[in-house]
Amino acid sequence: MKRLVIFITAIFLLFLSIRVVEAQPSKNIINSLNSGNVRQLIQHLHHTVEINILGDEDIGSRIEADRMLQVFFKAHRPKRFQMKHQGKAPDGSQFMIGKLYTQAGIFRTYLVIKRKKIHEISFKR
């Protein structure tokens, strides 16, 4: 009986640890936000991405997003990114909400990640 309880507890903890790892957004995405490395961030974008930078919204390709992000990060050099919330929607997509601290101020940052690719990214004051 004692072995059964230990076995069930071990299976539960294994399942729980797998779920926590799945819910965490890619460290590469967080690192690219911390450094403002657009080249690295672009690698994680879906081929079509919804982007909102300070109210300038667009749905476009990675190339268009690359240009917009280059301009944004050139004008707002990151100091650090701090994740505030993260979670998973019923459809399997993940979201991440955080603050991007830059030399020009603080920006609320929102990302939607589906199948390990960013489908939506937003920077707002």
N, C-alpha and C. Protein backbone atom coordinates (compact mmCIF):
# COMPACT_ATOMS: atom_id res chain seq x y z
N MET A 1 0.83 -1.19 0.00
CA MET A 1 0.00 0.00 0.00
C MET A 1 0.87 1.26 0.00
N LYS A 2 1.91 1.23 0.83
CA LYS A 2 2.80 2.39 0.90
C LYS A 2 3.49 2.62 -0.45
N ARG A 3 3.89 1.56 -1.13
CA ARG A 3 4.52 1.67 -2.44
C ARG A 3 3.56 2.25 -3.46
N LEU A 4 2.30 1.88 -3.37
CA LEU A 4 1.29 2.40 -4.29
C LEU A 4 1.13 3.91 -4.12
N VAL A 5 1.09 4.38 -2.88
CA VAL A 5 0.97 5.82 -2.60
C VAL A 5 2.20 6.56 -3.14
N ILE A 6 3.36 6.02 -2.94
CA ILE A 6 4.60 6.64 -3.43
C ILE A 6 4.59 6.67 -4.96
N PHE A 7 4.16 5.58 -5.59
CA PHE A 7 4.09 5.51 -7.04
C PHE A 7 3.12 6.55 -7.60
N ILE A 8 1.94 6.63 -7.03
CA ILE A 8 0.93 7.60 -7.49
C ILE A 8 1.43 9.03 -7.29
N THR A 9 2.06 9.29 -6.16
CA THR A 9 2.61 10.62 -5.90
C THR A 9 3.70 10.97 -6.91
N ALA A 10 4.55 10.01 -7.23
CA ALA A 10 5.63 10.25 -8.20
C ALA A 10 5.05 10.54 -9.59
N ILE A 11 4.04 9.81 -10.00
CA ILE A 11 3.40 10.05 -11.30
C ILE A 11 2.77 11.44 -11.33
N PHE A 12 2.09 11.81 -10.25
CA PHE A 12 1.45 13.12 -10.17
C PHE A 12 2.49 14.23 -10.27
N LEU A 13 3.59 14.12 -9.54
CA LEU A 13 4.65 15.14 -9.59
C LEU A 13 5.29 15.22 -10.97
N LEU A 14 5.47 14.10 -11.62
CA LEU A 14 6.02 14.10 -12.97
C LEU A 14 5.07 14.82 -13.93
N PHE A 15 3.79 14.52 -13.85
CA PHE A 15 2.79 15.18 -14.70
C PHE A 15 2.78 16.67 -14.44
N LEU A 16 2.81 17.06 -13.17
CA LEU A 16 2.79 18.48 -12.81
C LEU A 16 4.02 19.19 -13.35
N SER A 17 5.20 18.59 -13.24
CA SER A 17 6.42 19.24 -13.74
C SER A 17 6.39 19.39 -15.25
N ILE A 18 5.84 18.42 -15.96
CA ILE A 18 5.72 18.53 -17.42
C ILE A 18 4.80 19.67 -17.79
N ARG A 19 3.68 19.84 -17.10
CA ARG A 19 2.74 20.92 -17.38
C ARG A 19 3.37 22.29 -17.12
N VAL A 20 4.18 22.42 -16.09
CA VAL A 20 4.84 23.70 -15.79
C VAL A 20 5.84 24.04 -16.88
N VAL A 21 6.60 23.08 -17.35
CA VAL A 21 7.57 23.32 -18.42
C VAL A 21 6.86 23.72 -19.70
N GLU A 22 5.74 23.08 -20.03
CA GLU A 22 4.99 23.43 -21.23
C GLU A 22 4.48 24.85 -21.18
N ALA A 23 4.08 25.33 -20.00
CA ALA A 23 3.47 26.65 -19.88
C ALA A 23 4.49 27.78 -19.95
N GLN A 24 5.77 27.47 -19.75
CA GLN A 24 6.78 28.52 -19.76
C GLN A 24 7.12 28.93 -21.19
N PRO A 25 7.09 30.24 -21.45
CA PRO A 25 7.50 30.68 -22.78
C PRO A 25 9.00 30.47 -22.97
N SER A 26 9.38 30.44 -24.21
CA SER A 26 10.77 30.18 -24.55
C SER A 26 11.71 31.19 -23.89
N LYS A 27 12.77 30.68 -23.33
CA LYS A 27 13.78 31.57 -22.74
C LYS A 27 14.43 32.43 -23.81
N ASN A 28 14.49 31.92 -25.03
CA ASN A 28 15.07 32.71 -26.12
C ASN A 28 14.24 33.95 -26.41
N ILE A 29 12.92 33.84 -26.31
CA ILE A 29 12.05 35.00 -26.53
C ILE A 29 12.30 36.03 -25.44
N ILE A 30 12.36 35.58 -24.21
CA ILE A 30 12.61 36.50 -23.09
C ILE A 30 13.99 37.14 -23.22
N ASN A 31 14.99 36.36 -23.58
CA ASN A 31 16.34 36.90 -23.76
C ASN A 31 16.39 37.94 -24.87
N SER A 32 15.67 37.67 -25.96
CA SER A 32 15.68 38.64 -27.07
C SER A 32 14.98 39.93 -26.68
N LEU A 33 13.93 39.86 -25.85
CA LEU A 33 13.29 41.07 -25.35
C LEU A 33 14.21 41.82 -24.39
N ASN A 34 14.91 41.09 -23.55
CA ASN A 34 15.86 41.72 -22.61
C ASN A 34 16.93 42.52 -23.34
N SER A 35 17.41 41.98 -24.44
CA SER A 35 18.54 42.61 -25.14
C SER A 35 18.11 43.48 -26.32
N GLY A 36 16.85 43.34 -26.74
CA GLY A 36 16.41 44.06 -27.93
C GLY A 36 16.97 43.45 -29.20
N ASN A 37 17.28 42.16 -29.15
CA ASN A 37 17.85 41.45 -30.28
C ASN A 37 16.74 41.06 -31.26
N VAL A 38 16.47 41.90 -32.22
CA VAL A 38 15.39 41.68 -33.18
C VAL A 38 15.67 40.46 -34.04
N ARG A 39 16.90 40.26 -34.43
CA ARG A 39 17.25 39.11 -35.27
C ARG A 39 16.85 37.80 -34.59
N GLN A 40 17.12 37.72 -33.29
CA GLN A 40 16.75 36.52 -32.52
C GLN A 40 15.23 36.44 -32.33
N LEU A 41 14.59 37.56 -32.07
CA LEU A 41 13.14 37.59 -31.87
C LEU A 41 12.39 37.19 -33.13
N ILE A 42 12.86 37.64 -34.29
CA ILE A 42 12.23 37.34 -35.57
C ILE A 42 12.17 35.83 -35.82
N GLN A 43 13.17 35.11 -35.36
CA GLN A 43 13.20 33.66 -35.56
C GLN A 43 12.00 32.97 -34.89
N HIS A 44 11.40 33.62 -33.91
CA HIS A 44 10.29 33.03 -33.17
C HIS A 44 8.93 33.52 -33.64
N LEU A 45 8.91 34.36 -34.68
CA LEU A 45 7.64 34.87 -35.19
C LEU A 45 7.02 33.90 -36.18
N HIS A 46 5.71 33.82 -36.14
CA HIS A 46 4.96 33.07 -37.14
C HIS A 46 5.11 33.81 -38.47
N HIS A 47 4.88 33.16 -39.59
CA HIS A 47 5.07 33.84 -40.89
C HIS A 47 4.12 35.02 -41.06
N THR A 48 2.97 35.00 -40.37
CA THR A 48 2.08 36.16 -40.32
C THR A 48 1.91 36.53 -38.86
N VAL A 49 2.14 37.78 -38.53
CA VAL A 49 2.10 38.21 -37.13
C VAL A 49 1.30 39.49 -36.99
N GLU A 50 0.54 39.56 -35.90
CA GLU A 50 -0.17 40.80 -35.56
C GLU A 50 0.74 41.58 -34.62
N ILE A 51 1.03 42.82 -34.99
CA ILE A 51 1.97 43.62 -34.21
C ILE A 51 1.34 44.98 -33.89
N ASN A 52 1.50 45.41 -32.66
CA ASN A 52 0.98 46.69 -32.21
C ASN A 52 2.10 47.38 -31.43
N ILE A 53 2.60 48.46 -32.01
CA ILE A 53 3.65 49.24 -31.35
C ILE A 53 3.13 50.64 -31.14
N LEU A 54 2.85 50.95 -29.88
CA LEU A 54 2.37 52.28 -29.48
C LEU A 54 1.16 52.72 -30.30
N GLY A 55 0.23 51.79 -30.52
CA GLY A 55 -1.00 52.10 -31.25
C GLY A 55 -0.91 51.93 -32.75
N ASP A 56 0.28 51.74 -33.29
CA ASP A 56 0.45 51.50 -34.72
C ASP A 56 0.29 49.99 -34.95
N GLU A 57 -0.90 49.58 -35.40
CA GLU A 57 -1.22 48.17 -35.56
C GLU A 57 -1.07 47.72 -37.00
N ASP A 58 -0.63 46.46 -37.16
CA ASP A 58 -0.48 45.90 -38.49
C ASP A 58 -0.53 44.38 -38.38
N ILE A 59 -1.02 43.75 -39.40
CA ILE A 59 -0.91 42.31 -39.55
C ILE A 59 -0.07 42.11 -40.79
N GLY A 60 1.08 41.52 -40.60
CA GLY A 60 1.98 41.42 -41.74
C GLY A 60 2.94 40.26 -41.63
N SER A 61 3.88 40.29 -42.51
CA SER A 61 4.89 39.22 -42.58
C SER A 61 5.99 39.47 -41.56
N ARG A 62 6.86 38.48 -41.45
CA ARG A 62 8.04 38.62 -40.58
C ARG A 62 8.89 39.80 -41.03
N ILE A 63 8.99 40.01 -42.33
CA ILE A 63 9.83 41.10 -42.85
C ILE A 63 9.28 42.45 -42.39
N GLU A 64 7.96 42.62 -42.49
CA GLU A 64 7.35 43.87 -42.03
C GLU A 64 7.51 44.04 -40.52
N ALA A 65 7.32 42.95 -39.78
CA ALA A 65 7.49 42.99 -38.33
C ALA A 65 8.94 43.31 -37.98
N ASP A 66 9.88 42.77 -38.73
CA ASP A 66 11.30 43.04 -38.52
C ASP A 66 11.58 44.53 -38.59
N ARG A 67 11.06 45.18 -39.64
CA ARG A 67 11.28 46.62 -39.80
C ARG A 67 10.69 47.41 -38.62
N MET A 68 9.46 47.06 -38.24
CA MET A 68 8.79 47.78 -37.15
C MET A 68 9.54 47.58 -35.83
N LEU A 69 9.98 46.36 -35.56
CA LEU A 69 10.70 46.08 -34.32
C LEU A 69 12.07 46.73 -34.30
N GLN A 70 12.76 46.77 -35.45
CA GLN A 70 14.07 47.45 -35.53
C GLN A 70 13.92 48.92 -35.14
N VAL A 71 12.90 49.58 -35.69
CA VAL A 71 12.66 51.00 -35.39
C VAL A 71 12.35 51.17 -33.90
N PHE A 72 11.47 50.31 -33.38
CA PHE A 72 11.08 50.42 -31.97
C PHE A 72 12.29 50.25 -31.04
N PHE A 73 13.05 49.19 -31.23
CA PHE A 73 14.17 48.92 -30.34
C PHE A 73 15.33 49.91 -30.52
N LYS A 74 15.43 50.52 -31.68
CA LYS A 74 16.45 51.55 -31.88
C LYS A 74 16.09 52.80 -31.07
N ALA A 75 14.81 53.12 -31.03
CA ALA A 75 14.35 54.31 -30.29
C ALA A 75 14.17 54.03 -28.80
N HIS A 76 14.01 52.77 -28.43
CA HIS A 76 13.74 52.40 -27.03
C HIS A 76 14.65 51.24 -26.64
N ARG A 77 15.89 51.55 -26.37
CA ARG A 77 16.86 50.52 -26.02
C ARG A 77 16.47 49.83 -24.71
N PRO A 78 16.30 48.51 -24.73
CA PRO A 78 15.87 47.79 -23.53
C PRO A 78 16.93 47.77 -22.43
N LYS A 79 16.45 47.88 -21.22
CA LYS A 79 17.29 47.66 -20.04
C LYS A 79 17.04 46.25 -19.53
N ARG A 80 15.73 45.88 -19.45
CA ARG A 80 15.37 44.53 -19.03
C ARG A 80 13.90 44.29 -19.31
N PHE A 81 13.56 43.01 -19.36
CA PHE A 81 12.17 42.60 -19.51
C PHE A 81 11.77 41.82 -18.27
N GLN A 82 10.62 42.16 -17.72
CA GLN A 82 10.13 41.47 -16.52
C GLN A 82 8.76 40.86 -16.83
N MET A 83 8.69 39.54 -16.79
CA MET A 83 7.43 38.86 -17.03
C MET A 83 6.55 38.99 -15.79
N LYS A 84 5.30 39.39 -16.01
CA LYS A 84 4.35 39.56 -14.91
C LYS A 84 3.35 38.41 -14.84
N HIS A 85 2.84 37.98 -15.99
CA HIS A 85 1.85 36.90 -16.04
C HIS A 85 2.13 36.04 -17.26
N GLN A 86 1.77 34.78 -17.13
CA GLN A 86 1.82 33.87 -18.26
C GLN A 86 0.74 32.82 -18.06
N GLY A 87 0.30 32.24 -19.15
CA GLY A 87 -0.72 31.22 -19.02
C GLY A 87 -0.96 30.52 -20.34
N LYS A 88 -1.94 29.64 -20.28
CA LYS A 88 -2.26 28.84 -21.45
C LYS A 88 -3.77 28.88 -21.65
N ALA A 89 -4.18 29.12 -22.88
CA ALA A 89 -5.60 29.17 -23.24
C ALA A 89 -6.09 27.75 -23.57
N PRO A 90 -7.41 27.57 -23.56
CA PRO A 90 -7.96 26.24 -23.88
C PRO A 90 -7.56 25.72 -25.27
N ASP A 91 -7.29 26.63 -26.21
CA ASP A 91 -6.90 26.19 -27.56
C ASP A 91 -5.42 25.79 -27.64
N GLY A 92 -4.71 25.85 -26.52
CA GLY A 92 -3.30 25.46 -26.49
C GLY A 92 -2.33 26.61 -26.67
N SER A 93 -2.83 27.79 -27.03
CA SER A 93 -1.93 28.94 -27.17
C SER A 93 -1.50 29.44 -25.80
N GLN A 94 -0.35 30.05 -25.77
CA GLN A 94 0.19 30.61 -24.53
C GLN A 94 0.19 32.12 -24.65
N PHE A 95 0.10 32.78 -23.50
CA PHE A 95 0.24 34.22 -23.50
C PHE A 95 1.26 34.62 -22.45
N MET A 96 1.86 35.77 -22.68
CA MET A 96 2.85 36.30 -21.76
C MET A 96 2.63 37.81 -21.69
N ILE A 97 2.51 38.31 -20.48
CA ILE A 97 2.36 39.74 -20.24
C ILE A 97 3.51 40.18 -19.35
N GLY A 98 4.15 41.27 -19.73
CA GLY A 98 5.26 41.74 -18.92
C GLY A 98 5.51 43.21 -19.13
N LYS A 99 6.59 43.68 -18.54
CA LYS A 99 7.02 45.07 -18.68
C LYS A 99 8.40 45.09 -19.30
N LEU A 100 8.53 45.91 -20.33
CA LEU A 100 9.82 46.13 -20.96
C LEU A 100 10.34 47.48 -20.47
N TYR A 101 11.41 47.44 -19.70
CA TYR A 101 12.04 48.66 -19.19
C TYR A 101 13.07 49.11 -20.20
N THR A 102 12.91 50.34 -20.68
CA THR A 102 13.84 50.88 -21.68
C THR A 102 14.39 52.21 -21.20
N GLN A 103 15.33 52.74 -21.95
CA GLN A 103 15.89 54.05 -21.63
C GLN A 103 14.85 55.15 -21.83
N ALA A 104 13.82 54.87 -22.62
CA ALA A 104 12.79 55.87 -22.93
C ALA A 104 11.50 55.66 -22.13
N GLY A 105 11.49 54.70 -21.22
CA GLY A 105 10.30 54.47 -20.42
C GLY A 105 9.96 53.00 -20.31
N ILE A 106 8.78 52.74 -19.74
CA ILE A 106 8.32 51.38 -19.49
C ILE A 106 7.16 51.08 -20.44
N PHE A 107 7.19 49.88 -21.03
CA PHE A 107 6.16 49.47 -21.97
C PHE A 107 5.54 48.16 -21.52
N ARG A 108 4.19 48.13 -21.51
CA ARG A 108 3.47 46.90 -21.25
C ARG A 108 3.61 46.05 -22.51
N THR A 109 4.04 44.82 -22.33
CA THR A 109 4.32 43.94 -23.45
C THR A 109 3.42 42.71 -23.37
N TYR A 110 2.82 42.38 -24.50
CA TYR A 110 1.88 41.26 -24.55
C TYR A 110 2.23 40.39 -25.76
N LEU A 111 2.33 39.09 -25.54
CA LEU A 111 2.63 38.16 -26.62
C LEU A 111 1.66 36.99 -26.59
N VAL A 112 1.28 36.52 -27.77
CA VAL A 112 0.50 35.29 -27.91
C VAL A 112 1.37 34.32 -28.70
N ILE A 113 1.58 33.14 -28.12
CA ILE A 113 2.46 32.14 -28.71
C ILE A 113 1.63 30.88 -28.99
N LYS A 114 1.65 30.45 -30.25
CA LYS A 114 0.96 29.22 -30.65
C LYS A 114 1.96 28.32 -31.34
N ARG A 115 2.01 27.08 -30.91
CA ARG A 115 2.94 26.11 -31.49
C ARG A 115 4.37 26.65 -31.54
N LYS A 116 4.79 27.28 -30.46
CA LYS A 116 6.15 27.81 -30.27
C LYS A 116 6.49 28.99 -31.18
N LYS A 117 5.49 29.60 -31.82
CA LYS A 117 5.71 30.77 -32.67
C LYS A 117 4.86 31.93 -32.17
N ILE A 118 5.42 33.15 -32.20
CA ILE A 118 4.70 34.35 -31.77
C ILE A 118 3.72 34.73 -32.87
N HIS A 119 2.44 34.80 -32.53
CA HIS A 119 1.40 35.20 -33.48
C HIS A 119 0.98 36.64 -33.25
N GLU A 120 1.23 37.14 -32.03
CA GLU A 120 0.84 38.51 -31.71
C GLU A 120 1.85 39.09 -30.73
N ILE A 121 2.24 40.33 -30.97
CA ILE A 121 3.15 41.04 -30.06
C ILE A 121 2.72 42.49 -29.98
N SER A 122 2.73 43.03 -28.76
CA SER A 122 2.23 44.38 -28.54
C SER A 122 3.10 45.09 -27.51
N PHE A 123 3.39 46.36 -27.79
CA PHE A 123 4.10 47.24 -26.86
C PHE A 123 3.25 48.48 -26.65
N LYS A 124 2.83 48.75 -25.41
CA LYS A 124 2.02 49.92 -25.11
C LYS A 124 2.58 50.63 -23.88
N ARG A 125 2.37 51.93 -23.82
CA ARG A 125 2.82 52.71 -22.64
C ARG A 125 1.89 52.45 -21.50
